[in-house]
């Protein structure tokens, strides 16, 4: 294994542990605003994945970029749908005349 690969794996594992700890400490009242923020971050990662997957030569990085595009798209669309549904709970219901 190269040093860059080992460093990348270490960063990934540490980021996973930190992410789990941060997510577990979030109170439910902050869930919707933070979900909207994470959707924006997923949108940024979607643009980056499109740039990686846009290469004409099929290689491992292009395949991983395509997988990242698919997963980021699912995350962004699903996050916005869940956020919209949660915000619908706070709207006043219209009274029929």
PDB file of N, CA and C in Angstrom:
ATOM      1  N   UNK A   1       0.839  -1.187   0.000  1.00  0.00           N
ATOM      2  CA  UNK A   1       0.000   0.000   0.000  1.00  0.00           C
ATOM      3  C   UNK A   1       0.878   1.241   0.000  1.00  0.00           C
ATOM      4  N   UNK A   2       0.409   2.231  -0.703  1.00  0.00           N
ATOM      5  CA  UNK A   2       1.168   3.474  -0.729  1.00  0.00           C
ATOM      6  C   UNK A   2       0.817   4.324   0.490  1.00  0.00           C
ATOM      7  N   UNK A   3       1.682   5.270   0.760  1.00  0.00           N
ATOM      8  CA  UNK A   3       1.455   6.149   1.916  1.00  0.00           C
ATOM      9  C   UNK A   3       0.203   6.998   1.735  1.00  0.00           C
ATOM     10  N   UNK A   4      -0.076   7.415   0.501  1.00  0.00           N
ATOM     11  CA  UNK A   4      -1.271   8.233   0.250  1.00  0.00           C
ATOM     12  C   UNK A   4      -2.544   7.437   0.516  1.00  0.00           C
ATOM     13  N   UNK A   5      -2.554   6.173   0.132  1.00  0.00           N
ATOM     14  CA  UNK A   5      -3.731   5.336   0.371  1.00  0.00           C
ATOM     15  C   UNK A   5      -3.941   5.116   1.865  1.00  0.00           C
ATOM     16  N   UNK A   6      -2.872   4.848   2.587  1.00  0.00           N
ATOM     17  CA  UNK A   6      -2.978   4.650   4.036  1.00  0.00           C
ATOM     18  C   UNK A   6      -3.466   5.933   4.710  1.00  0.00           C
ATOM     19  N   UNK A   7      -2.927   7.069   4.286  1.00  0.00           N
ATOM     20  CA  UNK A   7      -3.365   8.348   4.856  1.00  0.00           C
ATOM     21  C   UNK A   7      -4.841   8.594   4.552  1.00  0.00           C
ATOM     22  N   UNK A   8      -5.285   8.265   3.337  1.00  0.00           N
ATOM     23  CA  UNK A   8      -6.683   8.428   2.979  1.00  0.00           C
ATOM     24  C   UNK A   8      -7.594   7.546   3.809  1.00  0.00           C
ATOM     25  N   UNK A   9      -7.168   6.307   4.057  1.00  0.00           N
ATOM     26  CA  UNK A   9      -7.966   5.395   4.881  1.00  0.00           C
ATOM     27  C   UNK A   9      -8.056   5.903   6.316  1.00  0.00           C
ATOM     28  N   UNK A  10      -6.958   6.413   6.841  1.00  0.00           N
ATOM     29  CA  UNK A  10      -6.957   6.947   8.211  1.00  0.00           C
ATOM     30  C   UNK A  10      -7.900   8.140   8.320  1.00  0.00           C
ATOM     31  N   UNK A  11      -7.841   9.046   7.345  1.00  0.00           N
ATOM     32  CA  UNK A  11      -8.733  10.212   7.356  1.00  0.00           C
ATOM     33  C   UNK A  11     -10.191   9.766   7.272  1.00  0.00           C
ATOM     34  N   UNK A  12     -10.480   8.772   6.417  1.00  0.00           N
ATOM     35  CA  UNK A  12     -11.851   8.277   6.275  1.00  0.00           C
ATOM     36  C   UNK A  12     -12.365   7.684   7.585  1.00  0.00           C
ATOM     37  N   UNK A  13     -11.551   6.872   8.246  1.00  0.00           N
ATOM     38  CA  UNK A  13     -11.971   6.235   9.502  1.00  0.00           C
ATOM     39  C   UNK A  13     -12.181   7.287  10.587  1.00  0.00           C
ATOM     40  N   UNK A  14     -11.269   8.225  10.707  1.00  0.00           N
ATOM     41  CA  UNK A  14     -11.420   9.279  11.719  1.00  0.00           C
ATOM     42  C   UNK A  14     -12.642  10.151  11.434  1.00  0.00           C
ATOM     43  N   UNK A  15     -12.876  10.490  10.164  1.00  0.00           N
ATOM     44  CA  UNK A  15     -14.045  11.293   9.812  1.00  0.00           C
ATOM     45  C   UNK A  15     -15.336  10.532  10.119  1.00  0.00           C
ATOM     46  N   UNK A  16     -15.323   9.218   9.929  1.00  0.00           N
ATOM     47  CA  UNK A  16     -16.505   8.416  10.236  1.00  0.00           C
ATOM     48  C   UNK A  16     -16.799   8.449  11.726  1.00  0.00           C
ATOM     49  N   UNK A  17     -15.787   8.248  12.552  1.00  0.00           N
ATOM     50  CA  UNK A  17     -15.989   8.279  14.003  1.00  0.00           C
ATOM     51  C   UNK A  17     -16.452   9.653  14.473  1.00  0.00           C
ATOM     52  N   UNK A  18     -15.846  10.705  13.962  1.00  0.00           N
ATOM     53  CA  UNK A  18     -16.234  12.057  14.360  1.00  0.00           C
ATOM     54  C   UNK A  18     -17.655  12.352  13.903  1.00  0.00           C
ATOM     55  N   UNK A  19     -18.010  11.939  12.675  1.00  0.00           N
ATOM     56  CA  UNK A  19     -19.356  12.162  12.165  1.00  0.00           C
ATOM     57  C   UNK A  19     -20.412  11.475  13.003  1.00  0.00           C
ATOM     58  N   UNK A  20     -20.146  10.245  13.404  1.00  0.00           N
ATOM     59  CA  UNK A  20     -21.104   9.510  14.239  1.00  0.00           C
ATOM     60  C   UNK A  20     -21.274  10.205  15.586  1.00  0.00           C
ATOM     61  N   UNK A  21     -20.199  10.643  16.188  1.00  0.00           N
ATOM     62  CA  UNK A  21     -20.280  11.326  17.484  1.00  0.00           C
ATOM     63  C   UNK A  21     -21.040  12.641  17.373  1.00  0.00           C
ATOM     64  N   UNK A  22     -20.790  13.403  16.314  1.00  0.00           N
ATOM     65  CA  UNK A  22     -21.468  14.689  16.144  1.00  0.00           C
ATOM     66  C   UNK A  22     -22.960  14.475  15.907  1.00  0.00           C
ATOM     67  N   UNK A  23     -23.306  13.514  15.069  1.00  0.00           N
ATOM     68  CA  UNK A  23     -24.715  13.259  14.755  1.00  0.00           C
ATOM     69  C   UNK A  23     -25.474  12.780  15.992  1.00  0.00           C
ATOM     70  N   UNK A  24     -24.860  11.959  16.811  1.00  0.00           N
ATOM     71  CA  UNK A  24     -25.537  11.450  18.006  1.00  0.00           C
ATOM     72  C   UNK A  24     -25.787  12.529  19.049  1.00  0.00           C
ATOM     73  N   UNK A  25     -25.059  13.635  18.998  1.00  0.00           N
ATOM     74  CA  UNK A  25     -25.204  14.704  19.995  1.00  0.00           C
ATOM     75  C   UNK A  25     -26.217  15.775  19.577  1.00  0.00           C
ATOM     76  N   UNK A  26     -26.807  15.661  18.399  1.00  0.00           N
ATOM     77  CA  UNK A  26     -27.722  16.695  17.895  1.00  0.00           C
ATOM     78  C   UNK A  26     -29.113  16.508  18.501  1.00  0.00           C
ATOM     79  N   UNK A  27     -29.664  17.565  19.120  1.00  0.00           N
ATOM     80  CA  UNK A  27     -31.036  17.453  19.638  1.00  0.00           C
ATOM     81  C   UNK A  27     -32.047  17.437  18.482  1.00  0.00           C
ATOM     82  N   UNK A  28     -33.200  16.837  18.693  1.00  0.00           N
ATOM     83  CA  UNK A  28     -34.194  16.728  17.622  1.00  0.00           C
ATOM     84  C   UNK A  28     -34.675  18.066  17.062  1.00  0.00           C
ATOM     85  N   UNK A  29     -34.653  19.121  17.869  1.00  0.00           N
ATOM     86  CA  UNK A  29     -35.136  20.419  17.383  1.00  0.00           C
ATOM     87  C   UNK A  29     -34.222  21.023  16.321  1.00  0.00           C
ATOM     88  N   UNK A  30     -32.983  20.606  16.280  1.00  0.00           N
ATOM     89  CA  UNK A  30     -32.047  21.127  15.283  1.00  0.00           C
ATOM     90  C   UNK A  30     -31.960  20.240  14.047  1.00  0.00           C
ATOM     91  N   UNK A  31     -32.723  19.161  14.025  1.00  0.00           N
ATOM     92  CA  UNK A  31     -32.583  18.190  12.947  1.00  0.00           C
ATOM     93  C   UNK A  31     -32.909  18.784  11.573  1.00  0.00           C
ATOM     94  N   UNK A  32     -34.027  19.496  11.445  1.00  0.00           N
ATOM     95  CA  UNK A  32     -34.452  20.021  10.145  1.00  0.00           C
ATOM     96  C   UNK A  32     -33.474  21.059   9.597  1.00  0.00           C
ATOM     97  N   UNK A  33     -33.051  22.065  10.382  1.00  0.00           N
ATOM     98  CA  UNK A  33     -32.089  23.024   9.818  1.00  0.00           C
ATOM     99  C   UNK A  33     -30.760  22.382   9.438  1.00  0.00           C
ATOM    100  N   UNK A  34     -30.309  21.438  10.240  1.00  0.00           N
ATOM    101  CA  UNK A  34     -29.045  20.787   9.917  1.00  0.00           C
ATOM    102  C   UNK A  34     -29.180  19.880   8.706  1.00  0.00           C
ATOM    103  N   UNK A  35     -30.358  19.290   8.517  1.00  0.00           N
ATOM    104  CA  UNK A  35     -30.571  18.460   7.335  1.00  0.00           C
ATOM    105  C   UNK A  35     -30.527  19.323   6.078  1.00  0.00           C
ATOM    106  N   UNK A  36     -31.089  20.516   6.148  1.00  0.00           N
ATOM    107  CA  UNK A  36     -31.029  21.417   4.994  1.00  0.00           C
ATOM    108  C   UNK A  36     -29.585  21.799   4.679  1.00  0.00           C
ATOM    109  N   UNK A  37     -28.813  22.029   5.711  1.00  0.00           N
ATOM    110  CA  UNK A  37     -27.398  22.341   5.500  1.00  0.00           C
ATOM    111  C   UNK A  37     -26.630  21.171   4.921  1.00  0.00           C
ATOM    112  N   UNK A  38     -26.934  19.976   5.387  1.00  0.00           N
ATOM    113  CA  UNK A  38     -26.232  18.806   4.847  1.00  0.00           C
ATOM    114  C   UNK A  38     -26.656  18.524   3.416  1.00  0.00           C
ATOM    115  N   UNK A  39     -27.889  18.895   3.052  1.00  0.00           N
ATOM    116  CA  UNK A  39     -28.294  18.766   1.650  1.00  0.00           C
ATOM    117  C   UNK A  39     -27.477  19.685   0.759  1.00  0.00           C
ATOM    118  N   UNK A  40     -27.162  20.873   1.249  1.00  0.00           N
ATOM    119  CA  UNK A  40     -26.326  21.793   0.476  1.00  0.00           C
ATOM    120  C   UNK A  40     -24.921  21.206   0.299  1.00  0.00           C
ATOM    121  N   UNK A  41     -24.397  20.593   1.338  1.00  0.00           N
ATOM    122  CA  UNK A  41     -23.074  19.966   1.245  1.00  0.00           C
ATOM    123  C   UNK A  41     -23.110  18.792   0.271  1.00  0.00           C
ATOM    124  N   UNK A  42     -24.189  18.007   0.305  1.00  0.00           N
ATOM    125  CA  UNK A  42     -24.321  16.901  -0.638  1.00  0.00           C
ATOM    126  C   UNK A  42     -24.412  17.412  -2.066  1.00  0.00           C
ATOM    127  N   UNK A  43     -25.032  18.562  -2.251  1.00  0.00           N
ATOM    128  CA  UNK A  43     -25.082  19.154  -3.584  1.00  0.00           C
ATOM    129  C   UNK A  43     -23.703  19.536  -4.080  1.00  0.00           C
ATOM    130  N   UNK A  44     -22.867  20.032  -3.179  1.00  0.00           N
ATOM    131  CA  UNK A  44     -21.494  20.377  -3.551  1.00  0.00           C
ATOM    132  C   UNK A  44     -20.710  19.112  -3.900  1.00  0.00           C
ATOM    133  N   UNK A  45     -20.906  18.052  -3.113  1.00  0.00           N
ATOM    134  CA  UNK A  45     -20.208  16.799  -3.428  1.00  0.00           C
ATOM    135  C   UNK A  45     -20.735  16.204  -4.721  1.00  0.00           C
ATOM    136  N   UNK A  46     -21.993  16.459  -5.049  1.00  0.00           N
ATOM    137  CA  UNK A  46     -22.550  15.988  -6.313  1.00  0.00           C
ATOM    138  C   UNK A  46     -21.850  16.663  -7.488  1.00  0.00           C
ATOM    139  N   UNK A  47     -21.596  17.945  -7.388  1.00  0.00           N
ATOM    140  CA  UNK A  47     -20.890  18.660  -8.455  1.00  0.00           C
ATOM    141  C   UNK A  47     -19.468  18.107  -8.609  1.00  0.00           C
ATOM    142  N   UNK A  48     -18.792  17.869  -7.491  1.00  0.00           N
ATOM    143  CA  UNK A  48     -17.450  17.289  -7.555  1.00  0.00           C
ATOM    144  C   UNK A  48     -17.452  15.896  -8.154  1.00  0.00           C
ATOM    145  N   UNK A  49     -18.453  15.099  -7.803  1.00  0.00           N
ATOM    146  CA  UNK A  49     -18.545  13.744  -8.357  1.00  0.00           C
ATOM    147  C   UNK A  49     -18.832  13.785  -9.852  1.00  0.00           C
ATOM    148  N   UNK A  50     -19.616  14.758 -10.295  1.00  0.00           N
ATOM    149  CA  UNK A  50     -19.862  14.910 -11.728  1.00  0.00           C
ATOM    150  C   UNK A  50     -18.575  15.246 -12.477  1.00  0.00           C
ATOM    151  N   UNK A  51     -17.738  16.067 -11.856  1.00  0.00           N
ATOM    152  CA  UNK A  51     -16.470  16.400 -12.496  1.00  0.00           C
ATOM    153  C   UNK A  51     -15.565  15.174 -12.614  1.00  0.00           C
ATOM    154  N   UNK A  52     -15.561  14.342 -11.583  1.00  0.00           N
ATOM    155  CA  UNK A  52     -14.727  13.137 -11.612  1.00  0.00           C
ATOM    156  C   UNK A  52     -15.284  12.114 -12.594  1.00  0.00           C
ATOM    157  N   UNK A  53     -16.608  11.952 -12.611  1.00  0.00           N
ATOM    158  CA  UNK A  53     -17.236  10.949 -13.473  1.00  0.00           C
ATOM    159  C   UNK A  53     -17.294  11.395 -14.926  1.00  0.00           C
ATOM    160  N   UNK A  54     -17.014  12.646 -15.210  1.00  0.00           N
ATOM    161  CA  UNK A  54     -17.136  13.161 -16.558  1.00  0.00           C
ATOM    162  C   UNK A  54     -16.000  12.805 -17.495  1.00  0.00           C
ATOM    163  N   UNK A  55     -14.996  12.107 -17.037  1.00  0.00           N
ATOM    164  CA  UNK A  55     -13.864  11.732 -17.880  1.00  0.00           C
ATOM    165  C   UNK A  55     -14.312  10.721 -18.931  1.00  0.00           C
ATOM    166  N   UNK A  56     -13.728  10.797 -20.124  1.00  0.00           N
ATOM    167  CA  UNK A  56     -14.132   9.896 -21.204  1.00  0.00           C
ATOM    168  C   UNK A  56     -13.527   8.508 -21.060  1.00  0.00           C
ATOM    169  N   UNK A  57     -12.433   8.375 -20.369  1.00  0.00           N
ATOM    170  CA  UNK A  57     -11.785   7.073 -20.197  1.00  0.00           C
ATOM    171  C   UNK A  57     -12.337   6.381 -18.960  1.00  0.00           C
ATOM    172  N   UNK A  58     -12.744   5.114 -19.116  1.00  0.00           N
ATOM    173  CA  UNK A  58     -13.266   4.362 -17.981  1.00  0.00           C
ATOM    174  C   UNK A  58     -12.104   3.898 -17.119  1.00  0.00           C
ATOM    175  N   UNK A  59     -12.112   4.331 -15.880  1.00  0.00           N
ATOM    176  CA  UNK A  59     -11.094   3.910 -14.919  1.00  0.00           C
ATOM    177  C   UNK A  59     -11.776   3.762 -13.561  1.00  0.00           C
ATOM    178  N   UNK A  60     -11.012   3.372 -12.577  1.00  0.00           N
ATOM    179  CA  UNK A  60     -11.576   3.200 -11.238  1.00  0.00           C
ATOM    180  C   UNK A  60     -12.143   4.512 -10.702  1.00  0.00           C
ATOM    181  N   UNK A  61     -11.442   5.611 -10.944  1.00  0.00           N
ATOM    182  CA  UNK A  61     -11.930   6.896 -10.422  1.00  0.00           C
ATOM    183  C   UNK A  61     -13.226   7.320 -11.109  1.00  0.00           C
ATOM    184  N   UNK A  62     -13.393   7.009 -12.386  1.00  0.00           N
ATOM    185  CA  UNK A  62     -14.637   7.351 -13.081  1.00  0.00           C
ATOM    186  C   UNK A  62     -15.794   6.504 -12.548  1.00  0.00           C
ATOM    187  N   UNK A  63     -15.543   5.221 -12.304  1.00  0.00           N
ATOM    188  CA  UNK A  63     -16.584   4.350 -11.755  1.00  0.00           C
ATOM    189  C   UNK A  63     -16.976   4.798 -10.349  1.00  0.00           C
ATOM    190  N   UNK A  64     -15.985   5.129  -9.527  1.00  0.00           N
ATOM    191  CA  UNK A  64     -16.282   5.629  -8.177  1.00  0.00           C
ATOM    192  C   UNK A  64     -16.999   6.974  -8.244  1.00  0.00           C
ATOM    193  N   UNK A  65     -16.642   7.810  -9.218  1.00  0.00           N
ATOM    194  CA  UNK A  65     -17.335   9.079  -9.399  1.00  0.00           C
ATOM    195  C   UNK A  65     -18.783   8.872  -9.792  1.00  0.00           C
ATOM    196  N   UNK A  66     -19.055   7.873 -10.661  1.00  0.00           N
ATOM    197  CA  UNK A  66     -20.422   7.564 -11.049  1.00  0.00           C
ATOM    198  C   UNK A  66     -21.230   7.076  -9.855  1.00  0.00           C
ATOM    199  N   UNK A  67     -20.632   6.223  -9.041  1.00  0.00           N
ATOM    200  CA  UNK A  67     -21.312   5.755  -7.824  1.00  0.00           C
ATOM    201  C   UNK A  67     -21.581   6.930  -6.885  1.00  0.00           C
ATOM    202  N   UNK A  68     -20.615   7.844  -6.780  1.00  0.00           N
ATOM    203  CA  UNK A  68     -20.797   9.027  -5.927  1.00  0.00           C
ATOM    204  C   UNK A  68     -21.916   9.918  -6.451  1.00  0.00           C
ATOM    205  N   UNK A  69     -22.041  10.040  -7.763  1.00  0.00           N
ATOM    206  CA  UNK A  69     -23.129  10.831  -8.352  1.00  0.00           C
ATOM    207  C   UNK A  69     -24.475  10.220  -7.984  1.00  0.00           C
ATOM    208  N   UNK A  70     -24.589   8.913  -8.120  1.00  0.00           N
ATOM    209  CA  UNK A  70     -25.856   8.241  -7.817  1.00  0.00           C
ATOM    210  C   UNK A  70     -26.217   8.398  -6.346  1.00  0.00           C
ATOM    211  N   UNK A  71     -25.263   8.135  -5.455  1.00  0.00           N
ATOM    212  CA  UNK A  71     -25.545   8.216  -4.019  1.00  0.00           C
ATOM    213  C   UNK A  71     -25.809   9.655  -3.570  1.00  0.00           C
ATOM    214  N   UNK A  72     -25.073  10.608  -4.109  1.00  0.00           N
ATOM    215  CA  UNK A  72     -25.307  12.012  -3.742  1.00  0.00           C
ATOM    216  C   UNK A  72     -26.670  12.484  -4.222  1.00  0.00           C
ATOM    217  N   UNK A  73     -27.072  12.046  -5.410  1.00  0.00           N
ATOM    218  CA  UNK A  73     -28.378  12.430  -5.924  1.00  0.00           C
ATOM    219  C   UNK A  73     -29.495  11.874  -5.052  1.00  0.00           C
ATOM    220  N   UNK A  74     -29.366  10.607  -4.665  1.00  0.00           N
ATOM    221  CA  UNK A  74     -30.363  10.005  -3.771  1.00  0.00           C
ATOM    222  C   UNK A  74     -30.410  10.760  -2.449  1.00  0.00           C
ATOM    223  N   UNK A  75     -29.247  11.118  -1.923  1.00  0.00           N
ATOM    224  CA  UNK A  75     -29.179  11.827  -0.641  1.00  0.00           C
ATOM    225  C   UNK A  75     -29.806  13.213  -0.732  1.00  0.00           C
ATOM    226  N   UNK A  76     -29.514  13.938  -1.799  1.00  0.00           N
ATOM    227  CA  UNK A  76     -30.050  15.294  -1.946  1.00  0.00           C
ATOM    228  C   UNK A  76     -31.566  15.257  -2.119  1.00  0.00           C
ATOM    229  N   UNK A  77     -32.055  14.417  -3.032  1.00  0.00           N
ATOM    230  CA  UNK A  77     -33.498  14.356  -3.287  1.00  0.00           C
ATOM    231  C   UNK A  77     -34.239  13.850  -2.049  1.00  0.00           C
ATOM    232  N   UNK A  78     -33.752  12.774  -1.452  1.00  0.00           N
ATOM    233  CA  UNK A  78     -34.400  12.244  -0.252  1.00  0.00           C
ATOM    234  C   UNK A  78     -34.372  13.231   0.903  1.00  0.00           C
ATOM    235  N   UNK A  79     -33.275  13.943   1.062  1.00  0.00           N
ATOM    236  CA  UNK A  79     -33.174  14.935   2.133  1.00  0.00           C
ATOM    237  C   UNK A  79     -34.150  16.076   1.954  1.00  0.00           C
ATOM    238  N   UNK A  80     -34.285  16.560   0.723  1.00  0.00           N
ATOM    239  CA  UNK A  80     -35.239  17.634   0.486  1.00  0.00           C
ATOM    240  C   UNK A  80     -36.670  17.159   0.665  1.00  0.00           C
ATOM    241  N   UNK A  81     -36.967  15.933   0.271  1.00  0.00           N
ATOM    242  CA  UNK A  81     -38.326  15.407   0.473  1.00  0.00           C
ATOM    243  C   UNK A  81     -38.653  15.276   1.957  1.00  0.00           C
ATOM    244  N   UNK A  82     -37.724  14.769   2.736  1.00  0.00           N
ATOM    245  CA  UNK A  82     -37.946  14.623   4.173  1.00  0.00           C
ATOM    246  C   UNK A  82     -38.056  15.992   4.835  1.00  0.00           C
ATOM    247  N   UNK A  83     -37.192  16.924   4.448  1.00  0.00           N
ATOM    248  CA  UNK A  83     -37.259  18.272   5.015  1.00  0.00           C
ATOM    249  C   UNK A  83     -38.583  18.938   4.683  1.00  0.00           C
ATOM    250  N   UNK A  84     -39.048  18.801   3.428  1.00  0.00           N
ATOM    251  CA  UNK A  84     -40.329  19.384   3.038  1.00  0.00           C
ATOM    252  C   UNK A  84     -41.471  18.766   3.832  1.00  0.00           C
ATOM    253  N   UNK A  85     -41.419  17.468   4.016  1.00  0.00           N
ATOM    254  CA  UNK A  85     -42.478  16.801   4.787  1.00  0.00           C
ATOM    255  C   UNK A  85     -42.476  17.263   6.247  1.00  0.00           C
ATOM    256  N   UNK A  86     -41.299  17.455   6.814  1.00  0.00           N
ATOM    257  CA  UNK A  86     -41.232  17.921   8.201  1.00  0.00           C
ATOM    258  C   UNK A  86     -41.743  19.357   8.312  1.00  0.00           C
ATOM    259  N   UNK A  87     -41.434  20.190   7.315  1.00  0.00           N
ATOM    260  CA  UNK A  87     -41.900  21.570   7.358  1.00  0.00           C
ATOM    261  C   UNK A  87     -43.405  21.663   7.153  1.00  0.00           C
ATOM    262  N   UNK A  88     -44.005  20.702   6.447  1.00  0.00           N
ATOM    263  CA  UNK A  88     -45.460  20.677   6.271  1.00  0.00           C
ATOM    264  C   UNK A  88     -46.178  20.501   7.605  1.00  0.00           C
ATOM    265  N   UNK A  89     -45.522  19.856   8.552  1.00  0.00           N
ATOM    266  CA  UNK A  89     -46.150  19.645   9.871  1.00  0.00           C
ATOM    267  C   UNK A  89     -46.352  20.968  10.619  1.00  0.00           C
ATOM    268  N   UNK A  90     -45.553  21.988  10.287  1.00  0.00           N
ATOM    269  CA  UNK A  90     -45.638  23.254  11.006  1.00  0.00           C
ATOM    270  C   UNK A  90     -46.585  24.250  10.359  1.00  0.00           C
ATOM    271  N   UNK A  91     -47.090  23.950   9.169  1.00  0.00           N
ATOM    272  CA  UNK A  91     -48.021  24.854   8.496  1.00  0.00           C
ATOM    273  C   UNK A  91     -49.408  24.720   9.103  1.00  0.00           C
ATOM    274  N   UNK A  92     -50.119  25.830   9.130  1.00  0.00           N
ATOM    275  CA  UNK A  92     -51.480  25.810   9.632  1.00  0.00           C
ATOM    276  C   UNK A  92     -52.391  25.168   8.604  1.00  0.00           C
ATOM    277  N   UNK A  93     -53.308  24.369   9.067  1.00  0.00           N
ATOM    278  CA  UNK A  93     -54.253  23.721   8.165  1.00  0.00           C
ATOM    279  C   UNK A  93     -55.327  24.719   7.779  1.00  0.00           C
ATOM    280  N   UNK A  94     -55.705  24.671   6.496  1.00  0.00           N
ATOM    281  CA  UNK A  94     -56.744  25.576   6.012  1.00  0.00           C
ATOM    282  C   UNK A  94     -58.107  25.047   6.426  1.00  0.00           C
ATOM    283  N   UNK A  95     -58.980  25.970   6.858  1.00  0.00           N
ATOM    284  CA  UNK A  95     -60.329  25.592   7.276  1.00  0.00           C
ATOM    285  C   UNK A  95     -61.244  25.711   6.063  1.00  0.00           C
ATOM    286  N   UNK A  96     -61.978  24.639   5.766  1.00  0.00           N
ATOM    287  CA  UNK A  96     -62.903  24.669   4.636  1.00  0.00           C
ATOM    288  C   UNK A  96     -64.168  25.420   5.038  1.00  0.00           C
ATOM    289  N   UNK A  97     -64.643  26.265   4.139  1.00  0.00           N
ATOM    290  CA  UNK A  97     -65.830  27.065   4.449  1.00  0.00           C
ATOM    291  C   UNK A  97     -67.111  26.344   4.204  1.00  0.00           C
TER     292      UNK A  97
END
